[in-house]
Amino acid sequence: MGILCIIFLLLLVLVFISIQPVDDEHYSQKPHYQATLDELATFSNLSLAGDTIAAGWAQVPILPPFQTAMAGYGDRDGALFEGIKDTLWIRAFVFDNGYTKAAILSADLLIIPPELTLALETHLPEIQWNIQQVYLTATHTHGSIGGWAPGFTGNTFAGEYRPEVVEFLSEQFATAIQLAESDLVKTKIAYAKIAAPEYVVNRLVGDKGSIDPFVRIIELRREDEKSAVIYSYSAHATCYGADQMHLHGDYPTPLSAYVKSFGYDMVSYMAGAVGSHGPAAGDLPSEEQTGKMVLGLGGKIRGALAATQPQYQTDLGIINSPLYLGEPQARISQAWRLRPWVFQQLFGDYNTRISALLLGDYLFVGLPCDFSGELMEPIEQHWRKHELEGMVSSFNGGYIGYITKDVHYELNSYETRTMNWYGPNNGAYFSELIREVSNVYSSSR
């Protein structure tokens, strides 16, 4: 009886030191809120103007010379890939107006892992760059290489951690920047946006919610007649499930190849506001679903590109500002969460940031999360007031789970319970930060 009492008391102590109630105090009352605003304020009065923007681009394969686990689905249990369906790439775009230089890097990865960001902070100065000049994003394919994250969560979604994967990726990223920078030519730039609601669904609440239906497009046409396209869309790259054990880029890979066939030298996709959003026609077999996405979206992109009128631009700016968060609030029930020390043991403890690159009148905003497309419409309304166009991309080198519309916080679902790690009201918080960073650029123009 005495032993049972001791065990019971130990369990009570373990529960007490491991969990605590959810904190629902509004973010605006927390110190992290003002700290983030103060960091953004340091970028006021940016110098944006320069000479005509020159652009260069390059792609480098990221298939490692060794086998790794696959990243994307916990159901794979860390299994190694069995073959290669698609070549995986890091695509780099470098922009320079004689005053500022900046790079966009989009990789065929599930996310840009925080460990990779740390490696780049060390590696980039060796090639006369730094992490503050780089805008990171990923395609969010669930069929790419893993092994890039230590800890319980990293092992669950990306398999056993292998430091050599991170080192390999950082070398390939740096090589891509160098190649792109070595080929800078003055460039005309065009922007386009076209609705494609037929190919995306709200996978969180279905017809009860909204979708972000737009393909957002940047077209680059250089004086040497080379051309490229950067585009984003909000549907998760999940046409293929966990049973596909060959490395692949999901629907963005064949879609980019299709757009490239229109006469472009390089085409690069980045995951947009993919939170809460999945590809339509999910009841079809993977190949048929992919084909439908490629032909449907590709046709719309072709039509949008045919109507563009590229112009020279001079304004160029890059911001990577610290993004502070409240205590982690990974919930085990509606009202109870893990204590921060437990969360950090399971998930790691990394710095996060908000990224923003201004290219002419076009604003890219990068976030460390799966950002919900349901939050996009009011953001775009704010941009229009400031005569900006833009896109939001996810996975900018940190990862803090899903940021969804706040009205859904109480739902017991994967996105709002399992993968919501920082508590209520973060949809409003992140949306406010996006508005603030766009205000920084607007006041500097």
Protein backbone atom coordinates (compact mmCIF):
# COMPACT_ATOMS: atom_id res chain seq x y z
CA MET A 1 0.00 0.00 0.00
CA GLY A 2 2.87 2.34 0.83
CA ILE A 3 4.48 1.76 -2.57
CA LEU A 4 1.20 2.51 -4.35
CA CYS A 5 0.87 5.77 -2.42
CA ILE A 6 4.40 6.77 -3.40
CA ILE A 7 3.73 6.00 -7.05
CA PHE A 8 0.48 7.96 -6.91
CA LEU A 9 2.22 10.94 -5.32
CA LEU A 10 5.00 10.82 -7.91
CA LEU A 11 2.42 10.81 -10.69
CA LEU A 12 0.70 13.81 -9.14
CA VAL A 13 4.03 15.66 -8.95
CA LEU A 14 4.80 14.74 -12.57
CA VAL A 15 1.41 16.05 -13.69
CA PHE A 16 1.86 19.24 -11.67
CA ILE A 17 5.28 20.03 -13.12
CA SER A 18 4.28 19.07 -16.68
CA ILE A 19 0.93 20.77 -17.36
CA GLN A 20 -0.84 24.02 -16.57
CA PRO A 21 -4.00 25.86 -17.65
CA VAL A 22 -4.20 27.53 -21.07
CA ASP A 23 -3.53 31.26 -20.88
CA ASP A 24 -6.13 33.20 -22.87
CA GLU A 25 -4.92 36.73 -22.07
CA HIS A 26 -4.89 38.78 -25.29
CA TYR A 27 -1.54 39.07 -27.05
CA SER A 28 -1.67 42.88 -26.95
CA GLN A 29 -1.30 42.71 -23.17
CA LYS A 30 1.85 40.58 -23.36
CA PRO A 31 5.43 41.87 -23.42
CA HIS A 32 6.29 39.92 -26.57
CA TYR A 33 3.83 42.03 -28.56
CA GLN A 34 5.49 45.37 -27.86
CA ALA A 35 8.93 43.81 -28.22
CA THR A 36 8.12 42.68 -31.76
CA LEU A 37 6.68 46.08 -32.69
CA ASP A 38 9.80 47.76 -31.32
CA GLU A 39 11.98 45.53 -33.52
CA LEU A 40 9.93 46.39 -36.61
CA ALA A 41 10.18 50.09 -35.79
CA THR A 42 13.95 49.90 -36.21
CA PHE A 43 13.38 49.39 -39.94
CA SER A 44 11.51 52.68 -40.41
CA ASN A 45 12.79 55.01 -43.13
CA LEU A 46 14.39 52.26 -45.16
CA SER A 47 16.35 53.36 -48.23
CA LEU A 48 14.65 51.51 -51.08
CA ALA A 49 15.49 53.40 -54.26
CA GLY A 50 18.50 52.61 -56.37
CA ASP A 51 19.40 51.83 -59.94
CA THR A 52 17.26 49.56 -62.10
CA ILE A 53 16.88 46.18 -60.42
CA ALA A 54 19.05 43.43 -61.88
CA ALA A 55 18.15 39.79 -61.36
CA GLY A 56 19.92 36.47 -61.60
CA TRP A 57 18.73 32.96 -60.86
CA ALA A 58 19.99 29.43 -60.50
CA GLN A 59 18.86 26.04 -59.30
CA VAL A 60 20.94 23.39 -57.53
CA PRO A 61 19.84 19.83 -56.73
CA ILE A 62 19.27 18.89 -53.09
CA LEU A 63 19.30 15.11 -53.49
CA PRO A 64 21.95 14.06 -50.94
CA PRO A 65 24.63 11.53 -51.87
CA PHE A 66 23.27 9.23 -49.16
CA GLN A 67 19.89 7.84 -48.17
CA THR A 68 17.70 9.65 -45.66
CA ALA A 69 14.30 9.40 -44.09
CA MET A 70 11.42 11.13 -45.83
CA ALA A 71 9.74 14.16 -44.32
CA GLY A 72 6.05 14.95 -44.20
CA TYR A 73 3.99 12.17 -42.70
CA GLY A 74 4.37 10.69 -39.24
CA ASP A 75 2.79 7.48 -40.58
CA ARG A 76 6.06 6.68 -42.34
CA ASP A 77 7.72 6.06 -38.95
CA GLY A 78 11.04 7.44 -40.15
CA ALA A 79 11.37 5.06 -43.10
CA LEU A 80 14.09 5.75 -45.66
CA PHE A 81 13.14 6.75 -49.19
CA GLU A 82 13.03 3.88 -51.67
CA GLY A 83 13.67 5.71 -54.92
CA ILE A 84 13.48 9.03 -56.74
CA LYS A 85 10.38 10.18 -58.60
CA ASP A 86 11.40 13.84 -59.00
CA THR A 87 14.67 15.69 -58.72
CA LEU A 88 14.49 18.04 -55.76
CA TRP A 89 15.91 21.55 -56.08
CA ILE A 90 16.83 24.71 -54.26
CA ARG A 91 16.00 27.65 -56.55
CA ALA A 92 17.68 30.98 -55.89
CA PHE A 93 16.83 34.45 -57.18
CA VAL A 94 19.19 37.33 -56.46
CA PHE A 95 18.11 40.96 -56.88
CA ASP A 96 20.41 43.99 -56.81
CA ASN A 97 19.67 47.69 -57.42
CA GLY A 98 23.18 48.92 -56.67
CA TYR A 99 22.19 49.87 -53.14
CA THR A 100 20.51 46.73 -51.77
CA LYS A 101 20.92 43.09 -52.66
CA ALA A 102 18.54 40.35 -51.58
CA ALA A 103 17.86 36.73 -52.38
CA ILE A 104 14.77 34.55 -52.51
CA LEU A 105 15.44 30.86 -51.85
CA SER A 106 12.65 28.34 -52.38
CA ALA A 107 13.40 24.68 -51.73
CA ASP A 108 11.62 21.42 -52.50
CA LEU A 109 11.38 20.66 -48.79
CA LEU A 110 8.57 20.21 -46.27
CA ILE A 111 9.76 23.34 -44.46
CA ILE A 112 12.98 25.32 -44.14
CA PRO A 113 14.19 23.64 -40.95
CA PRO A 114 15.35 25.85 -38.07
CA GLU A 115 18.60 23.87 -37.88
CA LEU A 116 19.25 24.81 -41.51
CA THR A 117 18.67 28.49 -40.74
CA LEU A 118 21.25 28.26 -37.96
CA ALA A 119 23.72 26.62 -40.36
CA LEU A 120 23.12 29.35 -42.96
CA GLU A 121 23.83 32.04 -40.38
CA THR A 122 27.32 30.56 -40.16
CA HIS A 123 27.76 29.57 -43.80
CA LEU A 124 26.52 32.65 -45.67
CA PRO A 125 29.23 35.09 -44.44
CA GLU A 126 31.76 32.80 -46.12
CA ILE A 127 30.27 33.90 -49.48
CA GLN A 128 29.83 37.58 -48.45
CA TRP A 129 26.14 37.23 -47.62
CA ASN A 130 24.22 37.14 -44.36
CA ILE A 131 20.91 35.71 -43.23
CA GLN A 132 19.36 39.20 -43.04
CA GLN A 133 19.57 39.46 -46.84
CA VAL A 134 17.77 36.19 -47.54
CA TYR A 135 14.07 35.41 -47.93
CA LEU A 136 13.49 31.70 -47.27
CA THR A 137 10.53 29.53 -48.21
CA ALA A 138 9.65 25.98 -49.24
CA THR A 139 7.24 24.15 -51.52
CA HIS A 140 5.93 22.10 -48.58
CA THR A 141 6.09 18.82 -50.46
CA HIS A 142 5.46 15.90 -48.11
CA GLY A 143 7.76 13.69 -50.19
CA SER A 144 11.17 15.30 -49.73
CA ILE A 145 14.23 14.41 -47.69
CA GLY A 146 14.13 14.40 -43.90
CA GLY A 147 16.66 13.93 -41.17
CA TRP A 148 17.05 17.67 -40.56
CA ALA A 149 15.48 18.14 -37.11
CA PRO A 150 16.52 16.76 -33.71
CA GLY A 151 14.04 15.92 -30.98
CA PHE A 152 10.74 14.12 -30.70
CA THR A 153 8.78 16.24 -33.19
CA GLY A 154 11.60 16.30 -35.71
CA ASN A 155 11.91 12.52 -35.57
CA THR A 156 8.15 12.13 -35.93
CA PHE A 157 7.79 14.21 -39.09
CA ALA A 158 11.27 14.01 -40.63
CA GLY A 159 12.84 10.81 -39.35
CA GLU A 160 16.09 10.31 -37.47
CA TYR A 161 18.20 13.44 -37.24
CA ARG A 162 21.39 13.45 -39.30
CA PRO A 163 23.58 16.59 -38.99
CA GLU A 164 25.16 15.85 -42.38
CA VAL A 165 21.77 16.53 -44.03
CA VAL A 166 21.77 20.08 -42.64
CA GLU A 167 25.37 20.63 -43.68
CA PHE A 168 24.67 19.33 -47.19
CA LEU A 169 21.63 21.58 -47.57
CA SER A 170 23.45 24.67 -46.33
CA GLU A 171 26.23 24.09 -48.87
CA GLN A 172 23.73 23.68 -51.71
CA PHE A 173 21.83 26.82 -50.66
CA ALA A 174 25.05 28.85 -50.61
CA THR A 175 26.07 27.48 -54.02
CA ALA A 176 22.71 28.47 -55.49
CA ILE A 177 23.10 32.05 -54.23
CA GLN A 178 26.60 32.29 -55.68
CA LEU A 179 25.47 31.03 -59.08
CA ALA A 180 22.50 33.40 -59.18
CA GLU A 181 24.59 36.39 -58.14
CA SER A 182 27.18 35.66 -60.83
CA ASP A 183 24.60 36.23 -63.57
CA LEU A 184 22.87 39.54 -62.76
CA VAL A 185 21.17 41.36 -65.65
CA LYS A 186 18.76 44.34 -65.59
CA THR A 187 15.23 43.01 -65.46
CA LYS A 188 11.67 44.03 -66.14
CA ILE A 189 9.15 42.85 -63.55
CA ALA A 190 5.43 42.13 -63.79
CA TYR A 191 2.87 41.00 -61.24
CA ALA A 192 -0.29 39.00 -61.80
CA LYS A 193 -3.02 37.41 -59.70
CA ILE A 194 -5.67 35.05 -60.95
CA ALA A 195 -8.49 33.27 -59.13
CA ALA A 196 -8.43 29.48 -59.13
CA PRO A 197 -11.04 28.46 -56.54
CA GLU A 198 -11.72 25.14 -58.31
CA TYR A 199 -8.43 23.65 -57.16
CA VAL A 200 -8.37 24.40 -53.42
CA VAL A 201 -10.66 23.47 -50.53
CA ASN A 202 -10.93 24.53 -46.91
CA ARG A 203 -9.88 21.28 -45.27
CA LEU A 204 -10.49 22.58 -41.74
CA VAL A 205 -14.16 23.62 -41.79
CA GLY A 206 -15.21 23.03 -45.40
CA ASP A 207 -17.95 25.27 -46.77
CA LYS A 208 -18.39 26.88 -43.36
CA GLY A 209 -15.12 28.73 -43.92
CA SER A 210 -13.45 30.70 -46.68
CA ILE A 211 -10.56 30.00 -49.05
CA ASP A 212 -7.71 31.96 -50.51
CA PRO A 213 -8.34 31.18 -54.20
CA PHE A 214 -5.54 33.11 -55.89
CA VAL A 215 -2.44 32.11 -57.79
CA ARG A 216 0.01 34.98 -57.26
CA ILE A 217 2.68 35.44 -59.90
CA ILE A 218 5.91 37.39 -60.44
CA GLU A 219 7.30 37.45 -63.98
CA LEU A 220 10.94 38.44 -64.61
CA ARG A 221 12.17 39.37 -68.11
CA ARG A 222 15.83 40.27 -68.45
CA GLU A 223 17.57 42.38 -71.07
CA ASP A 224 19.34 39.26 -72.34
CA GLU A 225 15.87 37.80 -73.09
CA LYS A 226 16.02 35.20 -70.33
CA SER A 227 12.86 34.96 -68.24
CA ALA A 228 11.58 33.39 -65.05
CA VAL A 229 8.41 33.00 -62.99
CA ILE A 230 7.89 32.89 -59.22
CA TYR A 231 4.40 31.91 -58.09
CA SER A 232 2.47 30.78 -55.02
CA TYR A 233 -0.78 28.99 -54.26
CA SER A 234 -2.59 28.06 -51.08
CA ALA A 235 -3.33 24.33 -51.56
CA HIS A 236 -1.17 21.99 -49.51
CA ALA A 237 1.19 19.87 -51.61
CA THR A 238 -0.47 16.66 -50.46
CA CYS A 239 -1.76 14.97 -53.59
CA TYR A 240 0.46 12.02 -52.65
CA GLY A 241 0.07 10.26 -49.32
CA ALA A 242 2.43 8.50 -46.96
CA ASP A 243 2.47 5.36 -49.13
CA GLN A 244 4.52 7.15 -51.83
CA MET A 245 8.07 6.26 -50.77
CA HIS A 246 9.88 7.76 -53.75
CA LEU A 247 11.17 11.31 -53.32
CA HIS A 248 8.84 13.73 -55.07
CA GLY A 249 7.78 17.36 -55.25
CA ASP A 250 4.02 16.67 -55.36
CA TYR A 251 1.88 18.80 -57.71
CA PRO A 252 4.20 21.89 -57.72
CA THR A 253 6.93 19.94 -59.54
CA PRO A 254 4.97 18.98 -62.68
CA LEU A 255 3.09 22.29 -62.53
CA SER A 256 6.34 24.26 -62.60
CA ALA A 257 7.60 22.10 -65.47
CA TYR A 258 4.39 22.84 -67.37
CA VAL A 259 4.72 26.60 -66.83
CA LYS A 260 8.37 26.40 -67.88
CA SER A 261 7.25 24.88 -71.19
CA PHE A 262 5.59 28.21 -71.99
CA GLY A 263 9.09 29.50 -72.79
CA TYR A 264 10.61 30.37 -69.40
CA ASP A 265 14.15 29.61 -68.30
CA MET A 266 13.21 28.94 -64.68
CA VAL A 267 9.98 28.58 -62.72
CA SER A 268 9.81 28.47 -58.94
CA TYR A 269 6.86 27.69 -56.67
CA MET A 270 6.54 28.73 -53.03
CA ALA A 271 3.90 27.53 -50.59
CA GLY A 272 1.46 30.35 -49.94
CA ALA A 273 -1.03 30.60 -47.07
CA VAL A 274 -1.50 26.83 -47.00
CA GLY A 275 -2.91 26.52 -43.48
CA SER A 276 -6.50 25.18 -43.51
CA HIS A 277 -6.23 24.56 -47.27
CA GLY A 278 -5.87 21.39 -49.31
CA PRO A 279 -5.93 20.44 -52.98
CA ALA A 280 -9.34 19.86 -54.53
CA ALA A 281 -10.34 16.48 -55.99
CA GLY A 282 -8.87 14.70 -52.99
CA ASP A 283 -11.03 11.64 -53.71
CA LEU A 284 -9.13 10.94 -56.94
CA PRO A 285 -6.03 8.72 -57.12
CA SER A 286 -2.82 10.66 -56.58
CA GLU A 287 -1.73 10.77 -60.21
CA GLU A 288 -5.15 11.89 -61.44
CA GLN A 289 -5.41 14.50 -58.71
CA THR A 290 -1.97 15.84 -59.61
CA GLY A 291 -2.84 15.94 -63.30
CA LYS A 292 -6.00 17.90 -62.59
CA MET A 293 -4.07 20.44 -60.52
CA VAL A 294 -1.36 20.82 -63.16
CA LEU A 295 -3.62 21.28 -66.18
CA GLY A 296 -6.12 23.48 -64.38
CA LEU A 297 -3.69 25.78 -62.61
CA GLY A 298 -1.25 25.73 -65.52
CA GLY A 299 -3.92 26.96 -67.92
CA LYS A 300 -4.85 29.81 -65.62
CA ILE A 301 -1.21 30.81 -65.13
CA ARG A 302 -0.66 30.79 -68.88
CA GLY A 303 -3.57 33.15 -69.39
CA ALA A 304 -2.36 35.49 -66.66
CA LEU A 305 1.18 35.61 -68.05
CA ALA A 306 -0.08 36.41 -71.53
CA ALA A 307 -1.55 39.66 -70.21
CA THR A 308 1.42 40.97 -68.22
CA GLN A 309 3.33 44.14 -69.09
CA PRO A 310 6.73 43.96 -67.37
CA GLN A 311 8.33 47.24 -66.31
CA TYR A 312 11.72 48.24 -64.92
CA GLN A 313 11.70 48.84 -61.16
CA THR A 314 14.13 50.50 -58.75
CA ASP A 315 12.73 49.95 -55.24
CA LEU A 316 14.23 46.98 -53.39
CA GLY A 317 14.18 46.19 -49.69
CA ILE A 318 14.61 43.21 -47.38
CA ILE A 319 13.53 42.86 -43.75
CA ASN A 320 14.15 39.95 -41.40
CA SER A 321 12.87 41.11 -38.03
CA PRO A 322 12.64 39.11 -34.78
CA LEU A 323 9.14 37.77 -34.16
CA TYR A 324 8.56 37.21 -30.45
CA LEU A 325 5.92 34.85 -29.13
CA GLY A 326 4.26 34.22 -25.82
CA GLU A 327 4.80 31.03 -23.88
CA PRO A 328 4.18 27.87 -25.92
CA GLN A 329 0.71 26.47 -25.30
CA ALA A 330 0.65 23.00 -26.81
CA ARG A 331 -2.64 21.67 -25.53
CA ILE A 332 -3.45 18.21 -24.23
CA SER A 333 -7.13 19.16 -23.77
CA GLN A 334 -9.38 22.15 -24.27
CA ALA A 335 -8.19 23.91 -21.12
CA TRP A 336 -4.81 22.36 -20.31
CA ARG A 337 -1.42 22.69 -21.96
CA LEU A 338 2.13 21.42 -21.56
CA ARG A 339 4.40 23.61 -19.49
CA PRO A 340 6.98 25.47 -21.62
CA TRP A 341 9.92 23.34 -20.45
CA VAL A 342 8.13 20.17 -21.59
CA PHE A 343 7.28 21.71 -24.95
CA GLN A 344 10.87 22.79 -25.51
CA GLN A 345 12.12 19.29 -24.73
CA LEU A 346 9.75 17.84 -27.33
CA PHE A 347 9.82 20.54 -30.01
CA GLY A 348 13.04 22.49 -29.51
CA ASP A 349 13.55 26.18 -28.79
CA TYR A 350 14.40 28.37 -31.78
CA ASN A 351 14.23 32.06 -32.63
CA THR A 352 11.61 33.11 -35.16
CA ARG A 353 11.29 36.09 -37.47
CA ILE A 354 9.01 37.81 -39.94
CA SER A 355 10.52 38.28 -43.40
CA ALA A 356 9.50 40.88 -45.96
CA LEU A 357 10.98 41.58 -49.38
CA LEU A 358 9.82 44.51 -51.47
CA LEU A 359 10.40 44.16 -55.23
CA GLY A 360 9.15 47.28 -56.96
CA ASP A 361 5.54 47.57 -55.79
CA TYR A 362 5.29 43.92 -54.81
CA LEU A 363 5.63 42.68 -51.24
CA PHE A 364 6.62 39.16 -50.22
CA VAL A 365 5.93 38.34 -46.56
CA GLY A 366 7.41 35.17 -45.07
CA LEU A 367 6.24 33.53 -41.84
CA PRO A 368 7.51 30.63 -39.66
CA CYS A 369 4.32 28.59 -39.80
CA ASP A 370 1.50 27.08 -41.81
CA PHE A 371 -0.37 30.38 -42.22
CA SER A 372 -4.08 30.03 -42.95
CA GLY A 373 -5.47 31.26 -46.26
CA GLU A 374 -8.63 32.26 -44.38
CA LEU A 375 -6.66 35.25 -43.05
CA MET A 376 -5.63 36.62 -46.43
CA GLU A 377 -8.57 38.78 -47.56
CA PRO A 378 -8.27 41.55 -44.91
CA ILE A 379 -4.50 41.59 -45.41
CA GLU A 380 -4.95 42.22 -49.12
CA GLN A 381 -7.46 44.97 -48.38
CA HIS A 382 -4.80 46.69 -46.29
CA TRP A 383 -2.22 46.29 -49.05
CA ARG A 384 -4.53 47.86 -51.62
CA LYS A 385 -4.91 50.94 -49.41
CA HIS A 386 -1.14 51.34 -49.61
CA GLU A 387 -0.99 50.67 -53.37
CA LEU A 388 0.83 47.37 -52.86
CA GLU A 389 0.34 43.89 -54.25
CA GLY A 390 1.81 40.91 -52.48
CA MET A 391 1.89 37.32 -51.36
CA VAL A 392 2.35 35.59 -48.03
CA SER A 393 4.52 32.50 -47.97
CA SER A 394 4.99 29.96 -45.19
CA PHE A 395 8.11 28.24 -43.78
CA ASN A 396 10.66 31.07 -43.62
CA GLY A 397 13.29 29.23 -41.62
CA GLY A 398 11.54 28.76 -38.28
CA TYR A 399 8.49 26.71 -37.43
CA ILE A 400 5.84 27.29 -34.76
CA GLY A 401 2.96 25.15 -36.03
CA TYR A 402 -0.33 26.36 -37.54
CA ILE A 403 -1.72 29.88 -37.42
CA THR A 404 -5.45 29.68 -38.13
CA LYS A 405 -8.42 32.00 -37.92
CA ASP A 406 -9.05 32.71 -34.24
CA VAL A 407 -12.74 31.74 -34.34
CA HIS A 408 -11.63 28.13 -34.92
CA TYR A 409 -9.33 27.91 -31.91
CA GLU A 410 -11.74 25.81 -29.84
CA LEU A 411 -12.08 23.13 -32.54
CA ASN A 412 -10.61 19.77 -31.57
CA SER A 413 -8.84 19.19 -34.89
CA TYR A 414 -5.31 18.57 -36.14
CA GLU A 415 -4.63 22.18 -37.15
CA THR A 416 -6.24 23.90 -34.18
CA ARG A 417 -5.34 21.48 -31.36
CA THR A 418 -2.44 19.21 -32.25
CA MET A 419 -0.51 21.75 -34.32
CA ASN A 420 -1.53 25.02 -32.65
CA TRP A 421 1.44 25.52 -30.33
CA TYR A 422 1.15 29.11 -29.16
CA GLY A 423 -2.39 29.59 -27.97
CA PRO A 424 -5.37 31.77 -28.89
CA ASN A 425 -5.44 35.04 -30.86
CA ASN A 426 -2.36 34.39 -32.97
CA GLY A 427 -4.32 34.73 -36.20
CA ALA A 428 -4.96 38.35 -35.22
CA TYR A 429 -1.38 38.81 -33.98
CA PHE A 430 0.27 37.59 -37.17
CA SER A 431 -2.17 39.54 -39.34
CA GLU A 432 -1.32 42.70 -37.43
CA LEU A 433 2.39 42.08 -37.92
CA ILE A 434 1.88 41.70 -41.67
CA ARG A 435 0.08 45.03 -41.74
CA GLU A 436 2.84 46.63 -39.69
CA VAL A 437 5.61 45.42 -41.98
CA SER A 438 3.72 46.69 -45.02
CA ASN A 439 3.35 50.04 -43.24
CA VAL A 440 7.13 50.16 -42.82
CA TYR A 441 7.59 49.86 -46.57
CA SER A 442 4.79 52.25 -47.39
CA SER A 443 6.26 54.97 -45.18
CA SER A 444 9.71 54.44 -46.74
CA ARG A 445 8.62 54.84 -50.37
